[in-house]
Amino acid sequence: MKKFNFVLVLLVLGVMAMSFTSTPTNNEKINEGAELLLKIDLPSEVDTQGWGSWNTTDCLRGLDFRVKNGGYNKYAKKYRWSIQFRNRYKNKIHFSYKAVAPSEKYDIRRSGKTTDRLHVNGNYGTRGSYYLVKSSNSIYVYVNRVRIGPKDYGTGYYNCDK
């Protein structure tokens, strides 16, 4: 049993040794900076709790994220992916997002339908959630409807700052 656990740990660490990418091609236009699409592979640096290193989103330089694969859910027949966002701006950030398997990337971008909304306090505030996704080694996180400020109403959505 110890040998099996050791092999399992090595397998998980091997899967986590991948890197992040988020480069849209010429055909993949991001809608006026109000929408983001990130391909998330597990990063090469993993902390003691299994989280990958922090990475900056394409649109907002002050919004970072990291991911953790929590393993297979045999009842849902999907993998549990934890996503944590960190806000390095002074002001609170409000945004919608959804995590999907890489094969669903174009569908989510076309529909723009997100299922969760987060409100992350400024000055390194963090918030997170999890998704059950069919992919075991990478996910896409789609972020849209971004607002920066104390309230999540009364103003339009924010454009990218890059």
N, C-alpha and C. Protein backbone atom coordinates (compact mmCIF):
# COMPACT_ATOMS: atom_id res chain seq x y z
N MET A 1 0.82 -1.20 0.00
CA MET A 1 0.00 0.00 0.00
C MET A 1 0.86 1.26 0.00
N LYS A 2 1.98 1.23 0.77
CA LYS A 2 2.86 2.39 0.81
C LYS A 2 3.44 2.68 -0.57
N LYS A 3 3.79 1.62 -1.29
CA LYS A 3 4.34 1.80 -2.63
C LYS A 3 3.29 2.42 -3.56
N PHE A 4 2.05 1.98 -3.44
CA PHE A 4 0.97 2.55 -4.25
C PHE A 4 0.79 4.03 -3.94
N ASN A 5 0.78 4.40 -2.65
CA ASN A 5 0.64 5.81 -2.27
C ASN A 5 1.80 6.64 -2.80
N PHE A 6 3.01 6.10 -2.74
CA PHE A 6 4.17 6.81 -3.25
C PHE A 6 4.05 7.04 -4.75
N VAL A 7 3.63 6.02 -5.49
CA VAL A 7 3.44 6.15 -6.94
C VAL A 7 2.34 7.15 -7.24
N LEU A 8 1.26 7.12 -6.46
CA LEU A 8 0.17 8.07 -6.65
C LEU A 8 0.64 9.50 -6.42
N VAL A 9 1.42 9.73 -5.37
CA VAL A 9 1.96 11.07 -5.10
C VAL A 9 2.86 11.51 -6.25
N LEU A 10 3.72 10.63 -6.74
CA LEU A 10 4.58 10.98 -7.87
C LEU A 10 3.77 11.32 -9.11
N LEU A 11 2.70 10.57 -9.36
CA LEU A 11 1.84 10.84 -10.51
C LEU A 11 1.18 12.20 -10.39
N VAL A 12 0.66 12.52 -9.21
CA VAL A 12 0.02 13.82 -9.00
C VAL A 12 1.04 14.95 -9.17
N LEU A 13 2.22 14.79 -8.61
CA LEU A 13 3.25 15.82 -8.76
C LEU A 13 3.68 15.96 -10.22
N GLY A 14 3.73 14.85 -10.95
CA GLY A 14 4.07 14.92 -12.37
C GLY A 14 3.03 15.67 -13.16
N VAL A 15 1.76 15.46 -12.85
CA VAL A 15 0.68 16.18 -13.53
C VAL A 15 0.76 17.66 -13.19
N MET A 16 1.16 17.98 -11.95
CA MET A 16 1.23 19.38 -11.52
C MET A 16 2.45 20.12 -12.07
N ALA A 17 3.32 19.43 -12.76
CA ALA A 17 4.55 20.06 -13.26
C ALA A 17 4.37 20.70 -14.62
N MET A 18 3.14 21.04 -15.00
CA MET A 18 2.89 21.70 -16.28
C MET A 18 2.86 23.21 -16.08
N SER A 19 2.82 23.98 -17.17
CA SER A 19 2.85 25.44 -17.05
C SER A 19 1.56 26.06 -17.55
N PHE A 20 1.36 27.35 -17.20
CA PHE A 20 0.19 28.11 -17.62
C PHE A 20 0.41 28.68 -19.02
N THR A 21 -0.66 28.75 -19.78
CA THR A 21 -0.64 29.47 -21.04
C THR A 21 -1.95 30.22 -21.19
N SER A 22 -1.90 31.39 -21.81
CA SER A 22 -3.13 32.14 -22.07
C SER A 22 -2.87 33.13 -23.20
N THR A 23 -2.70 32.63 -24.38
CA THR A 23 -2.38 33.47 -25.52
C THR A 23 -3.44 33.31 -26.59
N PRO A 24 -4.34 34.29 -26.76
CA PRO A 24 -5.33 34.17 -27.81
C PRO A 24 -4.69 34.35 -29.18
N THR A 25 -5.18 33.59 -30.15
CA THR A 25 -4.68 33.74 -31.51
C THR A 25 -5.41 34.89 -32.19
N ASN A 26 -5.02 35.20 -33.44
CA ASN A 26 -5.68 36.28 -34.16
C ASN A 26 -7.16 36.04 -34.33
N ASN A 27 -7.57 34.78 -34.42
CA ASN A 27 -8.98 34.46 -34.60
C ASN A 27 -9.77 34.49 -33.29
N GLU A 28 -9.09 34.58 -32.15
CA GLU A 28 -9.73 34.56 -30.86
C GLU A 28 -9.72 35.96 -30.26
N LYS A 29 -10.66 36.77 -30.65
CA LYS A 29 -10.72 38.15 -30.19
C LYS A 29 -11.38 38.22 -28.82
N ILE A 30 -10.76 38.93 -27.90
CA ILE A 30 -11.35 39.14 -26.59
C ILE A 30 -12.22 40.39 -26.70
N ASN A 31 -13.45 40.30 -26.26
CA ASN A 31 -14.46 41.34 -26.42
C ASN A 31 -14.14 42.58 -25.61
N GLU A 32 -13.49 43.54 -26.21
CA GLU A 32 -13.23 44.84 -25.63
C GLU A 32 -12.68 44.77 -24.20
N GLY A 33 -11.96 43.73 -23.88
CA GLY A 33 -11.34 43.64 -22.57
C GLY A 33 -12.30 43.25 -21.46
N ALA A 34 -13.57 43.10 -21.75
CA ALA A 34 -14.52 42.75 -20.71
C ALA A 34 -14.57 41.25 -20.48
N GLU A 35 -13.93 40.48 -21.33
CA GLU A 35 -13.94 39.03 -21.20
C GLU A 35 -12.51 38.51 -21.25
N LEU A 36 -12.25 37.48 -20.47
CA LEU A 36 -10.93 36.85 -20.45
C LEU A 36 -11.10 35.37 -20.69
N LEU A 37 -10.12 34.75 -21.29
CA LEU A 37 -10.10 33.30 -21.39
C LEU A 37 -8.71 32.86 -21.02
N LEU A 38 -8.62 31.99 -20.06
CA LEU A 38 -7.33 31.54 -19.58
C LEU A 38 -7.26 30.03 -19.68
N LYS A 39 -6.21 29.52 -20.29
CA LYS A 39 -5.97 28.09 -20.24
C LYS A 39 -5.09 27.86 -19.04
N ILE A 40 -5.54 27.03 -18.16
CA ILE A 40 -4.78 26.79 -16.94
C ILE A 40 -4.31 25.35 -16.92
N ASP A 41 -3.01 25.18 -16.96
CA ASP A 41 -2.39 23.90 -16.69
C ASP A 41 -1.75 24.03 -15.33
N LEU A 42 -1.56 22.94 -14.66
CA LEU A 42 -0.94 23.03 -13.35
C LEU A 42 0.48 23.56 -13.49
N PRO A 43 0.88 24.51 -12.65
CA PRO A 43 2.21 25.12 -12.74
C PRO A 43 3.28 24.22 -12.17
N SER A 44 4.53 24.60 -12.47
CA SER A 44 5.66 23.80 -12.02
C SER A 44 5.93 23.97 -10.53
N GLU A 45 5.55 25.10 -9.96
CA GLU A 45 5.77 25.31 -8.54
C GLU A 45 4.47 25.02 -7.80
N VAL A 46 4.54 24.14 -6.83
CA VAL A 46 3.37 23.77 -6.05
C VAL A 46 3.70 23.96 -4.58
N ASP A 47 2.81 24.64 -3.83
CA ASP A 47 3.09 24.84 -2.41
C ASP A 47 2.74 23.57 -1.64
N THR A 48 2.94 23.60 -0.35
CA THR A 48 2.76 22.41 0.47
C THR A 48 1.31 21.95 0.54
N GLN A 49 0.37 22.82 0.19
CA GLN A 49 -1.05 22.46 0.21
C GLN A 49 -1.55 22.07 -1.18
N GLY A 50 -0.67 21.99 -2.17
CA GLY A 50 -1.06 21.56 -3.50
C GLY A 50 -1.41 22.68 -4.46
N TRP A 51 -1.40 23.92 -4.02
CA TRP A 51 -1.71 25.04 -4.90
C TRP A 51 -0.53 25.33 -5.82
N GLY A 52 -0.81 25.71 -7.04
CA GLY A 52 0.21 26.16 -7.96
C GLY A 52 0.62 27.58 -7.63
N SER A 53 1.61 28.08 -8.33
CA SER A 53 2.07 29.45 -8.09
C SER A 53 1.04 30.44 -8.65
N TRP A 54 1.10 31.67 -8.16
CA TRP A 54 0.20 32.73 -8.61
C TRP A 54 0.60 33.16 -10.01
N ASN A 55 -0.40 33.41 -10.85
CA ASN A 55 -0.20 33.89 -12.21
C ASN A 55 -1.16 35.04 -12.47
N THR A 56 -0.74 35.97 -13.31
CA THR A 56 -1.55 37.14 -13.64
C THR A 56 -2.49 36.83 -14.80
N THR A 57 -3.72 37.31 -14.72
CA THR A 57 -4.66 37.14 -15.82
C THR A 57 -4.24 38.00 -17.01
N ASP A 58 -4.75 37.68 -18.19
CA ASP A 58 -4.43 38.44 -19.39
C ASP A 58 -4.95 39.87 -19.34
N CYS A 59 -6.10 40.07 -18.78
CA CYS A 59 -6.75 41.38 -18.86
C CYS A 59 -6.36 42.30 -17.72
N LEU A 60 -6.47 41.84 -16.52
CA LEU A 60 -6.22 42.68 -15.36
C LEU A 60 -4.88 42.33 -14.72
N ARG A 61 -3.94 43.25 -14.79
CA ARG A 61 -2.61 43.00 -14.21
C ARG A 61 -2.67 42.74 -12.72
N GLY A 62 -3.66 43.28 -12.06
CA GLY A 62 -3.76 43.14 -10.60
C GLY A 62 -4.64 42.00 -10.13
N LEU A 63 -5.14 41.18 -11.05
CA LEU A 63 -5.96 40.02 -10.67
C LEU A 63 -5.16 38.75 -10.98
N ASP A 64 -4.76 38.05 -9.93
CA ASP A 64 -3.98 36.83 -10.07
C ASP A 64 -4.87 35.63 -9.77
N PHE A 65 -4.39 34.46 -10.16
CA PHE A 65 -5.12 33.23 -9.90
C PHE A 65 -4.14 32.08 -9.72
N ARG A 66 -4.62 31.04 -9.08
CA ARG A 66 -3.88 29.78 -9.00
C ARG A 66 -4.91 28.66 -8.92
N VAL A 67 -4.46 27.46 -9.24
CA VAL A 67 -5.38 26.32 -9.30
C VAL A 67 -4.82 25.13 -8.55
N LYS A 68 -5.72 24.20 -8.24
CA LYS A 68 -5.34 22.96 -7.59
C LYS A 68 -6.32 21.89 -8.05
N ASN A 69 -5.79 20.77 -8.50
CA ASN A 69 -6.62 19.64 -8.88
C ASN A 69 -6.87 18.82 -7.62
N GLY A 70 -8.13 18.76 -7.22
CA GLY A 70 -8.49 18.07 -5.99
C GLY A 70 -8.81 16.60 -6.17
N GLY A 71 -8.59 16.08 -7.38
CA GLY A 71 -8.81 14.66 -7.61
C GLY A 71 -10.12 14.36 -8.31
N TYR A 72 -10.33 13.09 -8.53
CA TYR A 72 -11.48 12.61 -9.30
C TYR A 72 -12.68 12.40 -8.40
N ASN A 73 -13.83 12.89 -8.83
CA ASN A 73 -15.09 12.66 -8.14
C ASN A 73 -15.81 11.55 -8.88
N LYS A 74 -15.83 10.35 -8.29
CA LYS A 74 -16.38 9.19 -9.00
C LYS A 74 -17.88 9.28 -9.21
N TYR A 75 -18.58 10.04 -8.39
CA TYR A 75 -20.03 10.18 -8.55
C TYR A 75 -20.37 11.10 -9.71
N ALA A 76 -19.63 12.19 -9.83
CA ALA A 76 -19.86 13.13 -10.93
C ALA A 76 -19.10 12.72 -12.19
N LYS A 77 -18.12 11.82 -12.04
CA LYS A 77 -17.25 11.39 -13.13
C LYS A 77 -16.51 12.59 -13.74
N LYS A 78 -16.06 13.46 -12.84
CA LYS A 78 -15.31 14.66 -13.23
C LYS A 78 -14.24 14.92 -12.18
N TYR A 79 -13.33 15.84 -12.50
CA TYR A 79 -12.26 16.23 -11.58
C TYR A 79 -12.65 17.51 -10.87
N ARG A 80 -12.33 17.58 -9.59
CA ARG A 80 -12.61 18.78 -8.80
C ARG A 80 -11.42 19.74 -8.91
N TRP A 81 -11.65 20.90 -9.51
CA TRP A 81 -10.61 21.92 -9.66
C TRP A 81 -10.93 23.09 -8.75
N SER A 82 -10.02 23.40 -7.84
CA SER A 82 -10.13 24.59 -7.01
C SER A 82 -9.43 25.73 -7.71
N ILE A 83 -10.05 26.90 -7.69
CA ILE A 83 -9.48 28.10 -8.31
C ILE A 83 -9.50 29.20 -7.25
N GLN A 84 -8.37 29.85 -7.06
CA GLN A 84 -8.29 30.95 -6.11
C GLN A 84 -7.82 32.20 -6.84
N PHE A 85 -8.55 33.29 -6.63
CA PHE A 85 -8.20 34.58 -7.22
C PHE A 85 -7.65 35.49 -6.14
N ARG A 86 -6.69 36.34 -6.53
CA ARG A 86 -6.09 37.31 -5.60
C ARG A 86 -6.12 38.69 -6.25
N ASN A 87 -6.58 39.68 -5.50
CA ASN A 87 -6.72 41.05 -5.99
C ASN A 87 -5.59 41.91 -5.43
N ARG A 88 -4.70 42.37 -6.31
CA ARG A 88 -3.60 43.24 -5.89
C ARG A 88 -3.93 44.71 -6.05
N TYR A 89 -5.13 45.04 -6.54
CA TYR A 89 -5.56 46.43 -6.60
C TYR A 89 -5.98 46.90 -5.21
N LYS A 90 -6.07 48.22 -5.04
CA LYS A 90 -6.53 48.78 -3.77
C LYS A 90 -8.04 48.61 -3.62
N ASN A 91 -8.75 48.68 -4.74
CA ASN A 91 -10.21 48.60 -4.72
C ASN A 91 -10.71 47.18 -4.89
N LYS A 92 -11.91 46.96 -4.45
CA LYS A 92 -12.57 45.67 -4.60
C LYS A 92 -12.84 45.39 -6.08
N ILE A 93 -12.75 44.11 -6.48
CA ILE A 93 -13.04 43.68 -7.86
C ILE A 93 -14.24 42.74 -7.83
N HIS A 94 -15.13 42.92 -8.81
CA HIS A 94 -16.29 42.06 -8.98
C HIS A 94 -16.20 41.47 -10.38
N PHE A 95 -16.37 40.17 -10.53
CA PHE A 95 -16.32 39.56 -11.86
C PHE A 95 -17.07 38.24 -11.87
N SER A 96 -17.48 37.84 -13.05
CA SER A 96 -18.13 36.55 -13.26
C SER A 96 -17.13 35.61 -13.91
N TYR A 97 -17.31 34.32 -13.67
CA TYR A 97 -16.38 33.36 -14.27
C TYR A 97 -17.00 31.97 -14.32
N LYS A 98 -16.38 31.12 -15.11
CA LYS A 98 -16.75 29.71 -15.20
C LYS A 98 -15.54 28.92 -15.65
N ALA A 99 -15.34 27.75 -15.08
CA ALA A 99 -14.25 26.86 -15.48
C ALA A 99 -14.82 25.72 -16.30
N VAL A 100 -14.16 25.41 -17.41
CA VAL A 100 -14.63 24.34 -18.30
C VAL A 100 -13.44 23.52 -18.78
N ALA A 101 -13.74 22.36 -19.34
CA ALA A 101 -12.71 21.53 -19.98
C ALA A 101 -12.22 22.25 -21.24
N PRO A 102 -10.99 22.01 -21.65
CA PRO A 102 -10.46 22.67 -22.86
C PRO A 102 -11.33 22.44 -24.09
N SER A 103 -11.99 21.32 -24.18
CA SER A 103 -12.85 21.04 -25.34
C SER A 103 -14.08 21.94 -25.40
N GLU A 104 -14.41 22.61 -24.29
CA GLU A 104 -15.57 23.50 -24.23
C GLU A 104 -15.19 24.97 -24.36
N LYS A 105 -13.94 25.24 -24.65
CA LYS A 105 -13.40 26.60 -24.72
C LYS A 105 -14.20 27.50 -25.67
N TYR A 106 -14.44 27.05 -26.88
CA TYR A 106 -15.11 27.89 -27.86
C TYR A 106 -16.58 28.09 -27.53
N ASP A 107 -17.22 27.09 -26.96
CA ASP A 107 -18.62 27.22 -26.58
C ASP A 107 -18.81 28.28 -25.50
N ILE A 108 -17.96 28.28 -24.49
CA ILE A 108 -18.10 29.25 -23.41
C ILE A 108 -17.78 30.66 -23.91
N ARG A 109 -16.82 30.79 -24.78
CA ARG A 109 -16.49 32.11 -25.32
C ARG A 109 -17.61 32.64 -26.19
N ARG A 110 -18.23 31.76 -26.96
CA ARG A 110 -19.31 32.17 -27.84
C ARG A 110 -20.56 32.57 -27.04
N SER A 111 -20.88 31.78 -26.03
CA SER A 111 -22.10 32.04 -25.26
C SER A 111 -21.90 33.15 -24.22
N GLY A 112 -20.71 33.24 -23.64
CA GLY A 112 -20.47 34.23 -22.59
C GLY A 112 -21.21 33.93 -21.31
N LYS A 113 -21.76 32.74 -21.19
CA LYS A 113 -22.54 32.38 -20.01
C LYS A 113 -21.62 31.92 -18.88
N THR A 114 -21.61 32.69 -17.83
CA THR A 114 -20.84 32.34 -16.65
C THR A 114 -21.81 31.95 -15.54
N THR A 115 -21.36 31.17 -14.61
CA THR A 115 -22.26 30.66 -13.57
C THR A 115 -21.96 31.18 -12.18
N ASP A 116 -20.82 31.78 -11.97
CA ASP A 116 -20.45 32.26 -10.64
C ASP A 116 -19.98 33.71 -10.71
N ARG A 117 -20.22 34.43 -9.63
CA ARG A 117 -19.75 35.81 -9.51
C ARG A 117 -18.97 35.91 -8.21
N LEU A 118 -17.79 36.50 -8.30
CA LEU A 118 -16.95 36.68 -7.11
C LEU A 118 -16.74 38.16 -6.84
N HIS A 119 -16.54 38.48 -5.58
CA HIS A 119 -16.25 39.83 -5.11
C HIS A 119 -14.99 39.68 -4.25
N VAL A 120 -13.87 40.23 -4.73
CA VAL A 120 -12.59 40.05 -4.04
C VAL A 120 -12.14 41.40 -3.50
N ASN A 121 -11.94 41.46 -2.19
CA ASN A 121 -11.48 42.69 -1.55
C ASN A 121 -10.12 43.10 -2.09
N GLY A 122 -9.83 44.40 -2.00
CA GLY A 122 -8.55 44.93 -2.45
C GLY A 122 -7.42 44.60 -1.49
N ASN A 123 -6.22 45.05 -1.86
CA ASN A 123 -5.03 44.87 -1.02
C ASN A 123 -4.78 43.40 -0.69
N TYR A 124 -4.67 42.59 -1.74
CA TYR A 124 -4.34 41.16 -1.64
C TYR A 124 -5.44 40.30 -1.03
N GLY A 125 -6.68 40.74 -1.20
CA GLY A 125 -7.80 39.90 -0.79
C GLY A 125 -7.87 38.68 -1.70
N THR A 126 -8.34 37.56 -1.18
CA THR A 126 -8.46 36.34 -1.98
C THR A 126 -9.87 35.78 -1.85
N ARG A 127 -10.30 35.11 -2.91
CA ARG A 127 -11.57 34.39 -2.94
C ARG A 127 -11.42 33.22 -3.88
N GLY A 128 -12.17 32.20 -3.64
CA GLY A 128 -12.08 31.06 -4.51
C GLY A 128 -13.32 30.21 -4.51
N SER A 129 -13.29 29.21 -5.33
CA SER A 129 -14.40 28.28 -5.45
C SER A 129 -13.85 27.02 -6.10
N TYR A 130 -14.73 26.13 -6.49
CA TYR A 130 -14.27 24.96 -7.22
C TYR A 130 -15.28 24.61 -8.30
N TYR A 131 -14.81 23.87 -9.26
CA TYR A 131 -15.64 23.38 -10.36
C TYR A 131 -15.35 21.91 -10.57
N LEU A 132 -16.36 21.18 -11.00
CA LEU A 132 -16.19 19.81 -11.45
C LEU A 132 -16.08 19.86 -12.96
N VAL A 133 -14.92 19.42 -13.48
CA VAL A 133 -14.60 19.54 -14.90
C VAL A 133 -14.12 18.18 -15.40
N LYS A 134 -14.42 17.85 -16.64
CA LYS A 134 -14.06 16.55 -17.20
C LYS A 134 -12.57 16.39 -17.44
N SER A 135 -11.81 17.44 -17.47
CA SER A 135 -10.38 17.37 -17.77
C SER A 135 -9.56 17.11 -16.51
N SER A 136 -8.56 16.24 -16.62
CA SER A 136 -7.73 15.91 -15.46
C SER A 136 -6.46 16.75 -15.36
N ASN A 137 -6.01 17.37 -16.47
CA ASN A 137 -4.73 18.07 -16.39
C ASN A 137 -4.76 19.53 -16.82
N SER A 138 -5.86 20.03 -17.33
CA SER A 138 -5.95 21.45 -17.64
C SER A 138 -7.40 21.89 -17.70
N ILE A 139 -7.63 23.18 -17.45
CA ILE A 139 -8.96 23.76 -17.53
C ILE A 139 -8.88 25.13 -18.17
N TYR A 140 -10.01 25.62 -18.63
CA TYR A 140 -10.13 26.99 -19.10
C TYR A 140 -11.00 27.74 -18.12
N VAL A 141 -10.56 28.91 -17.73
CA VAL A 141 -11.34 29.77 -16.85
C VAL A 141 -11.73 30.99 -17.66
N TYR A 142 -13.01 31.19 -17.78
CA TYR A 142 -13.56 32.30 -18.55
C TYR A 142 -14.03 33.36 -17.56
N VAL A 143 -13.50 34.58 -17.68
CA VAL A 143 -13.85 35.68 -16.79
C VAL A 143 -14.47 36.79 -17.62
N ASN A 144 -15.61 37.33 -17.15
CA ASN A 144 -16.22 38.47 -17.82
C ASN A 144 -16.98 39.32 -16.81
N ARG A 145 -17.60 40.39 -17.29
CA ARG A 145 -18.39 41.31 -16.47
C ARG A 145 -17.60 41.82 -15.25
N VAL A 146 -16.47 42.44 -15.52
CA VAL A 146 -15.56 42.93 -14.47
C VAL A 146 -15.95 44.35 -14.06
N ARG A 147 -16.04 44.57 -12.77
CA ARG A 147 -16.22 45.91 -12.21
C ARG A 147 -15.19 46.10 -11.10
N ILE A 148 -14.66 47.32 -11.01
CA ILE A 148 -13.71 47.64 -9.95
C ILE A 148 -14.29 48.79 -9.15
N GLY A 149 -14.37 48.60 -7.84
CA GLY A 149 -14.92 49.62 -6.95
C GLY A 149 -15.70 48.98 -5.82
N PRO A 150 -16.20 49.80 -4.91
CA PRO A 150 -16.87 49.24 -3.73
C PRO A 150 -18.20 48.54 -4.05
N LYS A 151 -18.89 48.98 -5.12
CA LYS A 151 -20.21 48.42 -5.44
C LYS A 151 -20.17 47.66 -6.77
N ASP A 152 -21.01 46.66 -6.86
CA ASP A 152 -21.11 45.86 -8.07
C ASP A 152 -22.36 46.25 -8.88
N TYR A 153 -22.64 47.54 -8.92
CA TYR A 153 -23.76 48.05 -9.70
C TYR A 153 -23.56 49.53 -9.96
N GLY A 154 -24.32 50.07 -10.89
CA GLY A 154 -24.29 51.50 -11.15
C GLY A 154 -23.23 51.97 -12.13
N THR A 155 -22.33 51.12 -12.55
CA THR A 155 -21.31 51.50 -13.52
C THR A 155 -21.20 50.41 -14.57
N GLY A 156 -20.61 50.77 -15.70
CA GLY A 156 -20.38 49.79 -16.76
C GLY A 156 -19.26 48.83 -16.39
N TYR A 157 -19.05 47.87 -17.25
CA TYR A 157 -17.98 46.90 -17.00
C TYR A 157 -16.63 47.48 -17.42
N TYR A 158 -15.59 47.04 -16.74
CA TYR A 158 -14.23 47.54 -16.91
C TYR A 158 -13.56 46.96 -18.14
N ASN A 159 -12.75 47.79 -18.82
CA ASN A 159 -11.94 47.31 -19.96
C ASN A 159 -10.58 46.87 -19.44
N CYS A 160 -9.92 46.06 -20.22
CA CYS A 160 -8.59 45.55 -19.84
C CYS A 160 -7.61 46.69 -19.60
N ASP A 161 -6.65 46.47 -18.69
CA ASP A 161 -5.64 47.48 -18.45
C ASP A 161 -4.30 47.12 -19.03
N LYS A 162 -4.22 46.10 -19.89
CA LYS A 162 -2.97 45.73 -20.54
C LYS A 162 -2.95 46.25 -21.96
